[in-house]
Amino acid sequence: MQRKVNRLIRLATSFVILGLVPLLAAGTVLTGHFRSNMERVVLDDIGRMVSYGGSNTEAVLEECSSLTKHIYDVSTDDGMFLYQILKSPVLAGRKGKWKLPFF
């Protein structure tokens, strides 16, 4: 009986030392690597997303700016542009109707 108990203790001890300890050590190391890799990937994705958002916002603002400039580039019947009329204090106070050609 003592021999069977002694073998069982040896078997359990060798299982813990040769099986569980390396498994726990490898799991700890791999979990640390996984955590650092996930952090790096998430931060890179957030940086890329912010960059794309900034460039898309810049493109939208530039398009709106060009549309706004196009509004003031409409010419009147006398050959002046609308932005020239709005800037000129003499012409801005002039009464009358301006005819703008529509495309």
N, C-alpha and C. Protein backbone atom coordinates (compact mmCIF):
# COMPACT_ATOMS: atom_id res chain seq x y z
N MET A 1 0.82 -1.19 0.00
CA MET A 1 0.00 0.00 0.00
C MET A 1 0.86 1.26 0.00
N GLN A 2 1.91 1.21 0.83
CA GLN A 2 2.83 2.34 0.90
C GLN A 2 3.48 2.60 -0.45
N ARG A 3 3.72 1.56 -1.20
CA ARG A 3 4.34 1.69 -2.52
C ARG A 3 3.42 2.38 -3.51
N LYS A 4 2.13 2.04 -3.45
CA LYS A 4 1.15 2.66 -4.36
C LYS A 4 0.99 4.14 -4.06
N VAL A 5 0.98 4.49 -2.79
CA VAL A 5 0.87 5.90 -2.40
C VAL A 5 2.12 6.65 -2.83
N ASN A 6 3.27 6.05 -2.65
CA ASN A 6 4.54 6.66 -3.04
C ASN A 6 4.59 6.88 -4.56
N ARG A 7 4.13 5.92 -5.33
CA ARG A 7 4.08 6.09 -6.79
C ARG A 7 3.10 7.18 -7.19
N LEU A 8 1.96 7.22 -6.50
CA LEU A 8 0.96 8.26 -6.80
C LEU A 8 1.51 9.66 -6.51
N ILE A 9 2.24 9.80 -5.42
CA ILE A 9 2.84 11.11 -5.08
C ILE A 9 3.90 11.47 -6.10
N ARG A 10 4.74 10.52 -6.50
CA ARG A 10 5.75 10.79 -7.53
C ARG A 10 5.10 11.18 -8.86
N LEU A 11 4.06 10.44 -9.23
CA LEU A 11 3.36 10.73 -10.47
C LEU A 11 2.71 12.11 -10.45
N ALA A 12 2.08 12.46 -9.36
CA ALA A 12 1.45 13.78 -9.22
C ALA A 12 2.50 14.88 -9.22
N THR A 13 3.60 14.66 -8.52
CA THR A 13 4.68 15.66 -8.47
C THR A 13 5.31 15.85 -9.84
N SER A 14 5.57 14.77 -10.54
CA SER A 14 6.16 14.91 -11.89
C SER A 14 5.17 15.56 -12.85
N PHE A 15 3.87 15.29 -12.70
CA PHE A 15 2.88 15.95 -13.55
C PHE A 15 2.86 17.46 -13.31
N VAL A 16 2.91 17.85 -12.05
CA VAL A 16 2.92 19.28 -11.73
C VAL A 16 4.19 19.94 -12.22
N ILE A 17 5.33 19.30 -11.96
CA ILE A 17 6.61 19.92 -12.33
C ILE A 17 6.81 19.91 -13.84
N LEU A 18 6.54 18.80 -14.49
CA LEU A 18 6.81 18.69 -15.93
C LEU A 18 5.63 19.15 -16.80
N GLY A 19 4.44 19.23 -16.26
CA GLY A 19 3.28 19.59 -17.07
C GLY A 19 2.70 20.95 -16.78
N LEU A 20 2.33 21.18 -15.54
CA LEU A 20 1.63 22.43 -15.22
C LEU A 20 2.54 23.64 -15.12
N VAL A 21 3.69 23.52 -14.55
CA VAL A 21 4.60 24.66 -14.40
C VAL A 21 5.01 25.22 -15.77
N PRO A 22 5.48 24.39 -16.72
CA PRO A 22 5.81 24.96 -18.04
C PRO A 22 4.58 25.53 -18.75
N LEU A 23 3.44 24.87 -18.56
CA LEU A 23 2.21 25.37 -19.19
C LEU A 23 1.82 26.74 -18.63
N LEU A 24 1.90 26.91 -17.33
CA LEU A 24 1.59 28.21 -16.72
C LEU A 24 2.61 29.28 -17.11
N ALA A 25 3.88 28.90 -17.17
CA ALA A 25 4.91 29.87 -17.57
C ALA A 25 4.70 30.31 -19.02
N ALA A 26 4.45 29.33 -19.91
CA ALA A 26 4.22 29.69 -21.32
C ALA A 26 2.95 30.51 -21.47
N GLY A 27 1.92 30.16 -20.72
CA GLY A 27 0.68 30.93 -20.78
C GLY A 27 0.86 32.36 -20.32
N THR A 28 1.64 32.56 -19.27
CA THR A 28 1.91 33.92 -18.77
C THR A 28 2.68 34.74 -19.80
N VAL A 29 3.72 34.13 -20.37
CA VAL A 29 4.53 34.84 -21.37
C VAL A 29 3.69 35.16 -22.61
N LEU A 30 2.94 34.19 -23.10
CA LEU A 30 2.13 34.41 -24.31
C LEU A 30 1.01 35.41 -24.06
N THR A 31 0.43 35.42 -22.87
CA THR A 31 -0.60 36.40 -22.54
C THR A 31 -0.01 37.81 -22.53
N GLY A 32 1.20 37.96 -22.01
CA GLY A 32 1.87 39.27 -22.03
C GLY A 32 2.13 39.74 -23.45
N HIS A 33 2.61 38.85 -24.31
CA HIS A 33 2.85 39.21 -25.72
C HIS A 33 1.54 39.56 -26.42
N PHE A 34 0.52 38.78 -26.16
CA PHE A 34 -0.78 39.03 -26.78
C PHE A 34 -1.32 40.39 -26.36
N ARG A 35 -1.21 40.72 -25.09
CA ARG A 35 -1.70 42.00 -24.59
C ARG A 35 -0.94 43.17 -25.23
N SER A 36 0.39 43.06 -25.32
CA SER A 36 1.17 44.15 -25.91
C SER A 36 0.88 44.29 -27.41
N ASN A 37 0.73 43.15 -28.10
CA ASN A 37 0.40 43.21 -29.53
C ASN A 37 -0.99 43.81 -29.76
N MET A 38 -1.95 43.44 -28.95
CA MET A 38 -3.30 43.98 -29.09
C MET A 38 -3.31 45.48 -28.83
N GLU A 39 -2.56 45.92 -27.84
CA GLU A 39 -2.48 47.34 -27.53
C GLU A 39 -1.88 48.11 -28.72
N ARG A 40 -0.81 47.56 -29.29
CA ARG A 40 -0.16 48.22 -30.43
C ARG A 40 -1.10 48.29 -31.62
N VAL A 41 -1.80 47.18 -31.92
CA VAL A 41 -2.71 47.14 -33.06
C VAL A 41 -3.87 48.11 -32.87
N VAL A 42 -4.43 48.15 -31.67
CA VAL A 42 -5.56 49.04 -31.41
C VAL A 42 -5.13 50.49 -31.52
N LEU A 43 -3.98 50.83 -30.98
CA LEU A 43 -3.49 52.22 -31.07
C LEU A 43 -3.18 52.61 -32.51
N ASP A 44 -2.61 51.69 -33.30
CA ASP A 44 -2.36 51.96 -34.71
C ASP A 44 -3.67 52.18 -35.47
N ASP A 45 -4.67 51.35 -35.17
CA ASP A 45 -5.96 51.51 -35.85
C ASP A 45 -6.64 52.82 -35.47
N ILE A 46 -6.54 53.21 -34.22
CA ILE A 46 -7.13 54.48 -33.79
C ILE A 46 -6.41 55.64 -34.47
N GLY A 47 -5.09 55.57 -34.53
CA GLY A 47 -4.33 56.62 -35.21
C GLY A 47 -4.68 56.72 -36.68
N ARG A 48 -4.82 55.57 -37.35
CA ARG A 48 -5.19 55.55 -38.76
C ARG A 48 -6.61 56.12 -38.96
N MET A 49 -7.52 55.76 -38.05
CA MET A 49 -8.89 56.24 -38.15
C MET A 49 -8.96 57.76 -37.97
N VAL A 50 -8.20 58.29 -37.02
CA VAL A 50 -8.17 59.74 -36.80
C VAL A 50 -7.56 60.43 -38.01
N SER A 51 -6.52 59.84 -38.57
CA SER A 51 -5.88 60.42 -39.77
C SER A 51 -6.84 60.46 -40.95
N TYR A 52 -7.55 59.34 -41.19
CA TYR A 52 -8.53 59.31 -42.28
C TYR A 52 -9.65 60.30 -42.04
N GLY A 53 -10.09 60.40 -40.80
CA GLY A 53 -11.15 61.36 -40.47
C GLY A 53 -10.69 62.79 -40.73
N GLY A 54 -9.46 63.09 -40.37
CA GLY A 54 -8.93 64.44 -40.61
C GLY A 54 -8.80 64.75 -42.09
N SER A 55 -8.31 63.79 -42.86
CA SER A 55 -8.15 64.05 -44.30
C SER A 55 -9.51 64.15 -44.98
N ASN A 56 -10.48 63.33 -44.56
CA ASN A 56 -11.81 63.43 -45.15
C ASN A 56 -12.49 64.74 -44.78
N THR A 57 -12.30 65.19 -43.55
CA THR A 57 -12.85 66.48 -43.13
C THR A 57 -12.23 67.61 -43.94
N GLU A 58 -10.93 67.53 -44.15
CA GLU A 58 -10.24 68.55 -44.95
C GLU A 58 -10.77 68.57 -46.39
N ALA A 59 -11.02 67.40 -46.96
CA ALA A 59 -11.54 67.33 -48.32
C ALA A 59 -12.95 67.92 -48.41
N VAL A 60 -13.78 67.64 -47.42
CA VAL A 60 -15.15 68.18 -47.41
C VAL A 60 -15.12 69.69 -47.27
N LEU A 61 -14.27 70.21 -46.38
CA LEU A 61 -14.18 71.66 -46.20
C LEU A 61 -13.65 72.34 -47.46
N GLU A 62 -12.69 71.71 -48.12
CA GLU A 62 -12.15 72.28 -49.36
C GLU A 62 -13.22 72.30 -50.46
N GLU A 63 -14.01 71.25 -50.53
CA GLU A 63 -15.09 71.21 -51.52
C GLU A 63 -16.13 72.28 -51.24
N CYS A 64 -16.48 72.47 -49.96
CA CYS A 64 -17.44 73.53 -49.61
C CYS A 64 -16.86 74.90 -49.92
N SER A 65 -15.58 75.07 -49.68
CA SER A 65 -14.93 76.35 -49.96
C SER A 65 -14.95 76.64 -51.47
N SER A 66 -14.68 75.62 -52.29
CA SER A 66 -14.69 75.85 -53.73
C SER A 66 -16.11 76.13 -54.23
N LEU A 67 -17.12 75.49 -53.62
CA LEU A 67 -18.51 75.79 -54.00
C LEU A 67 -18.88 77.21 -53.62
N THR A 68 -18.42 77.65 -52.46
CA THR A 68 -18.70 79.02 -52.03
C THR A 68 -18.01 80.01 -52.95
N LYS A 69 -16.78 79.72 -53.36
CA LYS A 69 -16.08 80.61 -54.30
C LYS A 69 -16.79 80.64 -55.64
N HIS A 70 -17.32 79.53 -56.06
CA HIS A 70 -18.02 79.46 -57.35
C HIS A 70 -19.29 80.33 -57.35
N ILE A 71 -19.93 80.44 -56.20
CA ILE A 71 -21.13 81.26 -56.10
C ILE A 71 -20.79 82.72 -56.42
N TYR A 72 -19.68 83.20 -55.92
CA TYR A 72 -19.31 84.60 -56.12
C TYR A 72 -18.60 84.85 -57.44
N ASP A 73 -18.35 83.83 -58.23
CA ASP A 73 -17.71 84.01 -59.53
C ASP A 73 -18.72 84.12 -60.67
N VAL A 74 -19.98 84.33 -60.35
CA VAL A 74 -21.01 84.49 -61.38
C VAL A 74 -20.89 85.90 -61.96
N SER A 75 -20.88 86.00 -63.28
CA SER A 75 -20.72 87.32 -63.90
C SER A 75 -22.10 87.96 -64.13
N THR A 76 -22.11 89.30 -64.08
CA THR A 76 -23.34 90.05 -64.33
C THR A 76 -23.36 90.48 -65.79
N ASP A 77 -24.41 91.19 -66.17
CA ASP A 77 -24.54 91.62 -67.57
C ASP A 77 -23.47 92.61 -67.99
N ASP A 78 -22.99 93.42 -67.05
CA ASP A 78 -21.99 94.42 -67.44
C ASP A 78 -20.55 93.90 -67.32
N GLY A 79 -20.37 92.60 -67.16
CA GLY A 79 -19.03 92.01 -67.18
C GLY A 79 -18.34 91.96 -65.84
N MET A 80 -19.00 92.35 -64.79
CA MET A 80 -18.39 92.31 -63.46
C MET A 80 -18.81 91.01 -62.77
N PHE A 81 -17.99 90.63 -61.84
CA PHE A 81 -18.32 89.45 -61.05
C PHE A 81 -19.02 89.86 -59.77
N LEU A 82 -19.76 88.95 -59.19
CA LEU A 82 -20.53 89.26 -57.99
C LEU A 82 -19.63 89.66 -56.83
N TYR A 83 -18.47 89.03 -56.69
CA TYR A 83 -17.59 89.39 -55.58
C TYR A 83 -17.05 90.81 -55.76
N GLN A 84 -16.90 91.30 -57.01
CA GLN A 84 -16.45 92.67 -57.23
C GLN A 84 -17.53 93.66 -56.81
N ILE A 85 -18.77 93.30 -57.05
CA ILE A 85 -19.88 94.18 -56.65
C ILE A 85 -19.96 94.25 -55.13
N LEU A 86 -19.81 93.13 -54.47
CA LEU A 86 -19.92 93.11 -53.02
C LEU A 86 -18.75 93.82 -52.36
N LYS A 87 -17.57 93.81 -52.97
CA LYS A 87 -16.41 94.48 -52.38
C LYS A 87 -16.41 95.99 -52.64
N SER A 88 -16.99 96.43 -53.73
CA SER A 88 -16.95 97.84 -54.10
C SER A 88 -18.00 98.61 -53.31
N PRO A 89 -17.57 99.64 -52.54
CA PRO A 89 -18.55 100.41 -51.77
C PRO A 89 -19.45 101.26 -52.68
N VAL A 90 -18.94 101.66 -53.81
CA VAL A 90 -19.75 102.47 -54.73
C VAL A 90 -20.84 101.63 -55.36
N LEU A 91 -20.48 100.44 -55.83
CA LEU A 91 -21.45 99.60 -56.52
C LEU A 91 -22.41 98.90 -55.57
N ALA A 92 -21.98 98.66 -54.34
CA ALA A 92 -22.84 97.97 -53.38
C ALA A 92 -24.03 98.84 -53.00
N GLY A 93 -23.85 100.16 -52.98
CA GLY A 93 -24.93 101.06 -52.61
C GLY A 93 -25.81 101.43 -53.78
N ARG A 94 -25.47 101.03 -54.97
CA ARG A 94 -26.23 101.37 -56.16
C ARG A 94 -27.57 100.65 -56.18
N LYS A 95 -28.61 101.41 -56.50
CA LYS A 95 -29.93 100.81 -56.53
C LYS A 95 -30.22 100.32 -57.93
N GLY A 96 -30.94 99.28 -58.00
CA GLY A 96 -31.28 98.72 -59.29
C GLY A 96 -31.20 97.21 -59.23
N LYS A 97 -31.56 96.59 -60.28
CA LYS A 97 -31.55 95.12 -60.31
C LYS A 97 -30.36 94.65 -61.12
N TRP A 98 -29.75 93.64 -60.63
CA TRP A 98 -28.66 93.00 -61.35
C TRP A 98 -29.20 91.74 -61.98
N LYS A 99 -28.95 91.58 -63.22
CA LYS A 99 -29.40 90.37 -63.90
C LYS A 99 -28.24 89.39 -63.96
N LEU A 100 -28.47 88.22 -63.41
CA LEU A 100 -27.45 87.18 -63.38
C LEU A 100 -27.87 86.06 -64.31
N PRO A 101 -26.99 85.69 -65.22
CA PRO A 101 -27.35 84.59 -66.12
C PRO A 101 -27.28 83.26 -65.37
N PHE A 102 -28.26 82.44 -65.62
CA PHE A 102 -28.27 81.10 -65.03
C PHE A 102 -27.91 80.07 -66.10
N PHE A 103 -27.19 79.08 -65.68
CA PHE A 103 -26.71 78.08 -66.63
C PHE A 103 -27.77 77.03 -66.87
